[in-house]
Amino acid sequence: MKELKINVKNNAQAIVDIVNEASKVNNGIVIKLNHFFVDATSIVGIFSLDPSVDWIVSYPEEDIEFENYIKQFAV
């Protein structure tokens, strides 16, 4: 698994788009914030996180398409 620090800057549409992109991945993608771990395909889970701070996204190394997508939010 690879990890990338991202920030969505309170952008609700970006969060929805991340969920949609994560749903296309066969293996699990997890978003981490402090001691919380949320399934990236869970819109309710992601909206429970503070969108104004940096998150860590953990995703499969072999999923280049998701990596290319999520890099736009890299910190």
PDB file of N, CA and C in Angstrom:
ATOM      1  N   MET A   1       0.848  -1.185   0.000  1.00  0.00           N
ATOM      2  CA  MET A   1       0.000   0.000   0.000  1.00  0.00           C
ATOM      3  C   MET A   1       0.892   1.246   0.000  1.00  0.00           C
ATOM      4  N   LYS A   2       0.442   2.231  -0.752  1.00  0.00           N
ATOM      5  CA  LYS A   2       1.102   3.528  -0.786  1.00  0.00           C
ATOM      6  C   LYS A   2       0.294   4.503   0.048  1.00  0.00           C
ATOM      7  N   GLU A   3       0.948   5.548   0.511  1.00  0.00           N
ATOM      8  CA  GLU A   3       0.255   6.581   1.261  1.00  0.00           C
ATOM      9  C   GLU A   3       0.593   7.945   0.685  1.00  0.00           C
ATOM     10  N   LEU A   4      -0.390   8.833   0.719  1.00  0.00           N
ATOM     11  CA  LEU A   4      -0.222  10.183   0.213  1.00  0.00           C
ATOM     12  C   LEU A   4      -0.995  11.136   1.120  1.00  0.00           C
ATOM     13  N   LYS A   5      -0.364  12.230   1.506  1.00  0.00           N
ATOM     14  CA  LYS A   5      -1.033  13.244   2.320  1.00  0.00           C
ATOM     15  C   LYS A   5      -1.783  14.179   1.376  1.00  0.00           C
ATOM     16  N   ILE A   6      -3.069  14.370   1.650  1.00  0.00           N
ATOM     17  CA  ILE A   6      -3.891  15.232   0.804  1.00  0.00           C
ATOM     18  C   ILE A   6      -4.647  16.253   1.649  1.00  0.00           C
ATOM     19  N   ASN A   7      -5.182  17.268   0.966  1.00  0.00           N
ATOM     20  CA  ASN A   7      -6.073  18.227   1.604  1.00  0.00           C
ATOM     21  C   ASN A   7      -7.136  18.615   0.592  1.00  0.00           C
ATOM     22  N   VAL A   8      -8.403  18.462   0.961  1.00  0.00           N
ATOM     23  CA  VAL A   8      -9.510  18.779   0.061  1.00  0.00           C
ATOM     24  C   VAL A   8     -10.030  20.198   0.270  1.00  0.00           C
ATOM     25  N   LYS A   9      -9.510  20.899   1.238  1.00  0.00           N
ATOM     26  CA  LYS A   9      -9.804  22.320   1.478  1.00  0.00           C
ATOM     27  C   LYS A   9     -11.299  22.622   1.556  1.00  0.00           C
ATOM     28  N   ASN A  10     -12.008  21.834   2.334  1.00  0.00           N
ATOM     29  CA  ASN A  10     -13.447  22.044   2.549  1.00  0.00           C
ATOM     30  C   ASN A  10     -14.270  21.972   1.266  1.00  0.00           C
ATOM     31  N   ASN A  11     -13.794  21.282   0.262  1.00  0.00           N
ATOM     32  CA  ASN A  11     -14.479  21.181  -1.024  1.00  0.00           C
ATOM     33  C   ASN A  11     -15.359  19.928  -1.033  1.00  0.00           C
ATOM     34  N   ALA A  12     -16.657  20.116  -0.862  1.00  0.00           N
ATOM     35  CA  ALA A  12     -17.594  18.988  -0.788  1.00  0.00           C
ATOM     36  C   ALA A  12     -17.616  18.192  -2.094  1.00  0.00           C
ATOM     37  N   GLN A  13     -17.527  18.876  -3.235  1.00  0.00           N
ATOM     38  CA  GLN A  13     -17.537  18.166  -4.514  1.00  0.00           C
ATOM     39  C   GLN A  13     -16.294  17.290  -4.657  1.00  0.00           C
ATOM     40  N   ALA A  14     -15.158  17.759  -4.158  1.00  0.00           N
ATOM     41  CA  ALA A  14     -13.928  16.955  -4.207  1.00  0.00           C
ATOM     42  C   ALA A  14     -14.096  15.679  -3.395  1.00  0.00           C
ATOM     43  N   ILE A  15     -14.766  15.776  -2.263  1.00  0.00           N
ATOM     44  CA  ILE A  15     -14.996  14.601  -1.418  1.00  0.00           C
ATOM     45  C   ILE A  15     -15.875  13.592  -2.158  1.00  0.00           C
ATOM     46  N   VAL A  16     -16.931  14.061  -2.772  1.00  0.00           N
ATOM     47  CA  VAL A  16     -17.819  13.176  -3.538  1.00  0.00           C
ATOM     48  C   VAL A  16     -17.041  12.513  -4.680  1.00  0.00           C
ATOM     49  N   ASP A  17     -16.201  13.288  -5.349  1.00  0.00           N
ATOM     50  CA  ASP A  17     -15.405  12.744  -6.457  1.00  0.00           C
ATOM     51  C   ASP A  17     -14.408  11.699  -5.971  1.00  0.00           C
ATOM     52  N   ILE A  18     -13.806  11.918  -4.814  1.00  0.00           N
ATOM     53  CA  ILE A  18     -12.875  10.933  -4.246  1.00  0.00           C
ATOM     54  C   ILE A  18     -13.603   9.627  -3.962  1.00  0.00           C
ATOM     55  N   VAL A  19     -14.796   9.709  -3.405  1.00  0.00           N
ATOM     56  CA  VAL A  19     -15.591   8.504  -3.132  1.00  0.00           C
ATOM     57  C   VAL A  19     -15.878   7.762  -4.437  1.00  0.00           C
ATOM     58  N   ASN A  20     -16.250   8.497  -5.465  1.00  0.00           N
ATOM     59  CA  ASN A  20     -16.543   7.869  -6.761  1.00  0.00           C
ATOM     60  C   ASN A  20     -15.305   7.198  -7.349  1.00  0.00           C
ATOM     61  N   GLU A  21     -14.159   7.844  -7.274  1.00  0.00           N
ATOM     62  CA  GLU A  21     -12.919   7.259  -7.792  1.00  0.00           C
ATOM     63  C   GLU A  21     -12.500   6.046  -6.963  1.00  0.00           C
ATOM     64  N   ALA A  22     -12.640   6.143  -5.654  1.00  0.00           N
ATOM     65  CA  ALA A  22     -12.271   5.031  -4.770  1.00  0.00           C
ATOM     66  C   ALA A  22     -13.168   3.824  -5.024  1.00  0.00           C
ATOM     67  N   SER A  23     -14.400   4.064  -5.410  1.00  0.00           N
ATOM     68  CA  SER A  23     -15.336   2.972  -5.677  1.00  0.00           C
ATOM     69  C   SER A  23     -14.946   2.154  -6.906  1.00  0.00           C
ATOM     70  N   LYS A  24     -14.127   2.716  -7.764  1.00  0.00           N
ATOM     71  CA  LYS A  24     -13.671   2.024  -8.968  1.00  0.00           C
ATOM     72  C   LYS A  24     -12.516   1.068  -8.695  1.00  0.00           C
ATOM     73  N   VAL A  25     -11.910   1.159  -7.500  1.00  0.00           N
ATOM     74  CA  VAL A  25     -10.737   0.362  -7.152  1.00  0.00           C
ATOM     75  C   VAL A  25     -11.181  -0.939  -6.499  1.00  0.00           C
ATOM     76  N   ASN A  26     -10.601  -2.053  -6.926  1.00  0.00           N
ATOM     77  CA  ASN A  26     -10.974  -3.359  -6.370  1.00  0.00           C
ATOM     78  C   ASN A  26     -10.504  -3.537  -4.937  1.00  0.00           C
ATOM     79  N   ASN A  27      -9.308  -3.102  -4.635  1.00  0.00           N
ATOM     80  CA  ASN A  27      -8.782  -3.232  -3.272  1.00  0.00           C
ATOM     81  C   ASN A  27      -9.201  -2.022  -2.446  1.00  0.00           C
ATOM     82  N   GLY A  28      -9.159  -2.178  -1.141  1.00  0.00           N
ATOM     83  CA  GLY A  28      -9.621  -1.125  -0.253  1.00  0.00           C
ATOM     84  C   GLY A  28      -8.734   0.104  -0.229  1.00  0.00           C
ATOM     85  N   ILE A  29      -9.372   1.257  -0.178  1.00  0.00           N
ATOM     86  CA  ILE A  29      -8.676   2.523  -0.004  1.00  0.00           C
ATOM     87  C   ILE A  29      -9.154   3.081   1.321  1.00  0.00           C
ATOM     88  N   VAL A  30      -8.197   3.527   2.128  1.00  0.00           N
ATOM     89  CA  VAL A  30      -8.508   4.000   3.463  1.00  0.00           C
ATOM     90  C   VAL A  30      -8.021   5.441   3.601  1.00  0.00           C
ATOM     91  N   ILE A  31      -8.822   6.257   4.263  1.00  0.00           N
ATOM     92  CA  ILE A  31      -8.417   7.618   4.603  1.00  0.00           C
ATOM     93  C   ILE A  31      -8.199   7.658   6.106  1.00  0.00           C
ATOM     94  N   LYS A  32      -7.032   8.191   6.482  1.00  0.00           N
ATOM     95  CA  LYS A  32      -6.654   8.235   7.898  1.00  0.00           C
ATOM     96  C   LYS A  32      -6.577   9.681   8.363  1.00  0.00           C
ATOM     97  N   LEU A  33      -7.089   9.911   9.548  1.00  0.00           N
ATOM     98  CA  LEU A  33      -6.981  11.212  10.198  1.00  0.00           C
ATOM     99  C   LEU A  33      -6.797  10.943  11.682  1.00  0.00           C
ATOM    100  N   ASN A  34      -5.598  11.244  12.166  1.00  0.00           N
ATOM    101  CA  ASN A  34      -5.229  10.936  13.545  1.00  0.00           C
ATOM    102  C   ASN A  34      -5.446   9.447  13.815  1.00  0.00           C
ATOM    103  N   HIS A  35      -6.355   9.108  14.718  1.00  0.00           N
ATOM    104  CA  HIS A  35      -6.602   7.698  15.033  1.00  0.00           C
ATOM    105  C   HIS A  35      -7.858   7.153  14.354  1.00  0.00           C
ATOM    106  N   PHE A  36      -8.433   7.911  13.397  1.00  0.00           N
ATOM    107  CA  PHE A  36      -9.604   7.462  12.655  1.00  0.00           C
ATOM    108  C   PHE A  36      -9.185   6.879  11.313  1.00  0.00           C
ATOM    109  N   PHE A  37      -9.783   5.756  10.959  1.00  0.00           N
ATOM    110  CA  PHE A  37      -9.576   5.106   9.665  1.00  0.00           C
ATOM    111  C   PHE A  37     -10.945   4.963   9.013  1.00  0.00           C
ATOM    112  N   VAL A  38     -11.102   5.512   7.810  1.00  0.00           N
ATOM    113  CA  VAL A  38     -12.399   5.519   7.138  1.00  0.00           C
ATOM    114  C   VAL A  38     -12.255   4.887   5.757  1.00  0.00           C
ATOM    115  N   ASP A  39     -13.195   4.040   5.399  1.00  0.00           N
ATOM    116  CA  ASP A  39     -13.256   3.460   4.058  1.00  0.00           C
ATOM    117  C   ASP A  39     -13.548   4.598   3.079  1.00  0.00           C
ATOM    118  N   ALA A  40     -12.688   4.757   2.070  1.00  0.00           N
ATOM    119  CA  ALA A  40     -12.832   5.864   1.122  1.00  0.00           C
ATOM    120  C   ALA A  40     -14.057   5.736   0.230  1.00  0.00           C
ATOM    121  N   THR A  41     -14.721   4.599   0.236  1.00  0.00           N
ATOM    122  CA  THR A  41     -15.950   4.453  -0.553  1.00  0.00           C
ATOM    123  C   THR A  41     -17.188   4.828   0.262  1.00  0.00           C
ATOM    124  N   SER A  42     -16.996   5.214   1.507  1.00  0.00           N
ATOM    125  CA  SER A  42     -18.110   5.573   2.387  1.00  0.00           C
ATOM    126  C   SER A  42     -18.261   7.094   2.443  1.00  0.00           C
ATOM    127  N   ILE A  43     -19.273   7.601   1.772  1.00  0.00           N
ATOM    128  CA  ILE A  43     -19.512   9.046   1.757  1.00  0.00           C
ATOM    129  C   ILE A  43     -19.802   9.561   3.162  1.00  0.00           C
ATOM    130  N   VAL A  44     -20.550   8.791   3.933  1.00  0.00           N
ATOM    131  CA  VAL A  44     -20.870   9.197   5.302  1.00  0.00           C
ATOM    132  C   VAL A  44     -19.601   9.198   6.154  1.00  0.00           C
ATOM    133  N   GLY A  45     -18.763   8.174   5.965  1.00  0.00           N
ATOM    134  CA  GLY A  45     -17.516   8.096   6.720  1.00  0.00           C
ATOM    135  C   GLY A  45     -16.597   9.262   6.429  1.00  0.00           C
ATOM    136  N   ILE A  46     -16.442   9.591   5.157  1.00  0.00           N
ATOM    137  CA  ILE A  46     -15.545  10.688   4.792  1.00  0.00           C
ATOM    138  C   ILE A  46     -16.086  12.024   5.277  1.00  0.00           C
ATOM    139  N   PHE A  47     -17.383  12.236   5.169  1.00  0.00           N
ATOM    140  CA  PHE A  47     -17.944  13.499   5.644  1.00  0.00           C
ATOM    141  C   PHE A  47     -17.893  13.633   7.166  1.00  0.00           C
ATOM    142  N   SER A  48     -17.582  12.543   7.868  1.00  0.00           N
ATOM    143  CA  SER A  48     -17.424  12.635   9.319  1.00  0.00           C
ATOM    144  C   SER A  48     -16.043  13.165   9.695  1.00  0.00           C
ATOM    145  N   LEU A  49     -15.124  13.232   8.717  1.00  0.00           N
ATOM    146  CA  LEU A  49     -13.776  13.744   8.966  1.00  0.00           C
ATOM    147  C   LEU A  49     -13.735  15.256   8.753  1.00  0.00           C
ATOM    148  N   ASP A  50     -12.798  15.915   9.404  1.00  0.00           N
ATOM    149  CA  ASP A  50     -12.607  17.358   9.247  1.00  0.00           C
ATOM    150  C   ASP A  50     -11.959  17.627   7.892  1.00  0.00           C
ATOM    151  N   PRO A  51     -12.663  18.272   6.955  1.00  0.00           N
ATOM    152  CA  PRO A  51     -12.108  18.484   5.625  1.00  0.00           C
ATOM    153  C   PRO A  51     -11.124  19.645   5.528  1.00  0.00           C
ATOM    154  N   SER A  52     -10.911  20.359   6.619  1.00  0.00           N
ATOM    155  CA  SER A  52     -10.001  21.503   6.581  1.00  0.00           C
ATOM    156  C   SER A  52      -8.557  21.119   6.934  1.00  0.00           C
ATOM    157  N   VAL A  53      -8.352  19.870   7.365  1.00  0.00           N
ATOM    158  CA  VAL A  53      -7.008  19.425   7.733  1.00  0.00           C
ATOM    159  C   VAL A  53      -6.517  18.368   6.747  1.00  0.00           C
ATOM    160  N   ASP A  54      -5.233  18.059   6.825  1.00  0.00           N
ATOM    161  CA  ASP A  54      -4.643  17.062   5.938  1.00  0.00           C
ATOM    162  C   ASP A  54      -5.082  15.655   6.321  1.00  0.00           C
ATOM    163  N   TRP A  55      -5.326  14.829   5.308  1.00  0.00           N
ATOM    164  CA  TRP A  55      -5.652  13.418   5.477  1.00  0.00           C
ATOM    165  C   TRP A  55      -4.540  12.592   4.861  1.00  0.00           C
ATOM    166  N   ILE A  56      -4.426  11.357   5.290  1.00  0.00           N
ATOM    167  CA  ILE A  56      -3.522  10.400   4.660  1.00  0.00           C
ATOM    168  C   ILE A  56      -4.390   9.378   3.923  1.00  0.00           C
ATOM    169  N   VAL A  57      -4.134   9.222   2.622  1.00  0.00           N
ATOM    170  CA  VAL A  57      -4.859   8.239   1.827  1.00  0.00           C
ATOM    171  C   VAL A  57      -3.940   7.054   1.592  1.00  0.00           C
ATOM    172  N   SER A  58      -4.419   5.880   1.933  1.00  0.00           N
ATOM    173  CA  SER A  58      -3.680   4.634   1.734  1.00  0.00           C
ATOM    174  C   SER A  58      -4.380   3.860   0.621  1.00  0.00           C
ATOM    175  N   TYR A  59      -3.612   3.534  -0.437  1.00  0.00           N
ATOM    176  CA  TYR A  59      -4.205   2.897  -1.617  1.00  0.00           C
ATOM    177  C   TYR A  59      -3.249   1.863  -2.186  1.00  0.00           C
ATOM    178  N   PRO A  60      -3.746   0.921  -2.979  1.00  0.00           N
ATOM    179  CA  PRO A  60      -2.897  -0.137  -3.543  1.00  0.00           C
ATOM    180  C   PRO A  60      -1.852   0.434  -4.506  1.00  0.00           C
ATOM    181  N   GLU A  61      -0.646  -0.079  -4.405  1.00  0.00           N
ATOM    182  CA  GLU A  61       0.447   0.382  -5.256  1.00  0.00           C
ATOM    183  C   GLU A  61       0.154   0.206  -6.733  1.00  0.00           C
ATOM    184  N   GLU A  62      -0.567  -0.848  -7.070  1.00  0.00           N
ATOM    185  CA  GLU A  62      -0.805  -1.154  -8.478  1.00  0.00           C
ATOM    186  C   GLU A  62      -1.905  -0.304  -9.113  1.00  0.00           C
ATOM    187  N   ASP A  63      -2.609   0.500  -8.326  1.00  0.00           N
ATOM    188  CA  ASP A  63      -3.700   1.289  -8.883  1.00  0.00           C
ATOM    189  C   ASP A  63      -3.202   2.667  -9.326  1.00  0.00           C
ATOM    190  N   ILE A  64      -2.626   2.706 -10.509  1.00  0.00           N
ATOM    191  CA  ILE A  64      -2.029   3.921 -11.058  1.00  0.00           C
ATOM    192  C   ILE A  64      -3.093   4.979 -11.370  1.00  0.00           C
ATOM    193  N   GLU A  65      -4.255   4.559 -11.851  1.00  0.00           N
ATOM    194  CA  GLU A  65      -5.311   5.518 -12.181  1.00  0.00           C
ATOM    195  C   GLU A  65      -5.764   6.295 -10.949  1.00  0.00           C
ATOM    196  N   PHE A  66      -5.975   5.594  -9.839  1.00  0.00           N
ATOM    197  CA  PHE A  66      -6.378   6.289  -8.617  1.00  0.00           C
ATOM    198  C   PHE A  66      -5.252   7.199  -8.140  1.00  0.00           C
ATOM    199  N   GLU A  67      -4.027   6.715  -8.209  1.00  0.00           N
ATOM    200  CA  GLU A  67      -2.881   7.525  -7.780  1.00  0.00           C
ATOM    201  C   GLU A  67      -2.803   8.814  -8.599  1.00  0.00           C
ATOM    202  N   ASN A  68      -2.959   8.702  -9.902  1.00  0.00           N
ATOM    203  CA  ASN A  68      -2.919   9.893 -10.755  1.00  0.00           C
ATOM    204  C   ASN A  68      -4.045  10.867 -10.410  1.00  0.00           C
ATOM    205  N   TYR A  69      -5.215  10.334 -10.076  1.00  0.00           N
ATOM    206  CA  TYR A  69      -6.341  11.178  -9.701  1.00  0.00           C
ATOM    207  C   TYR A  69      -6.082  11.888  -8.373  1.00  0.00           C
ATOM    208  N   ILE A  70      -5.664  11.145  -7.365  1.00  0.00           N
ATOM    209  CA  ILE A  70      -5.572  11.694  -6.007  1.00  0.00           C
ATOM    210  C   ILE A  70      -4.410  12.688  -5.848  1.00  0.00           C
ATOM    211  N   LYS A  71      -3.435  12.608  -6.738  1.00  0.00           N
ATOM    212  CA  LYS A  71      -2.273  13.523  -6.660  1.00  0.00           C
ATOM    213  C   LYS A  71      -2.651  14.982  -6.771  1.00  0.00           C
ATOM    214  N   GLN A  72      -3.795  15.278  -7.364  1.00  0.00           N
ATOM    215  CA  GLN A  72      -4.204  16.682  -7.483  1.00  0.00           C
ATOM    216  C   GLN A  72      -4.490  17.323  -6.122  1.00  0.00           C
ATOM    217  N   PHE A  73      -4.701  16.489  -5.104  1.00  0.00           N
ATOM    218  CA  PHE A  73      -4.970  16.999  -3.751  1.00  0.00           C
ATOM    219  C   PHE A  73      -3.743  16.904  -2.836  1.00  0.00           C
ATOM    220  N   ALA A  74      -2.620  16.479  -3.395  1.00  0.00           N
ATOM    221  CA  ALA A  74      -1.410  16.249  -2.589  1.00  0.00           C
ATOM    222  C   ALA A  74      -0.949  17.542  -1.914  1.00  0.00           C
ATOM    223  N   VAL A  75      -0.434  17.351  -0.724  1.00  0.00           N
ATOM    224  CA  VAL A  75       0.090  18.468   0.050  1.00  0.00           C
ATOM    225  C   VAL A  75       1.598  18.484  -0.086  1.00  0.00           C
TER     226      VAL A  75
END
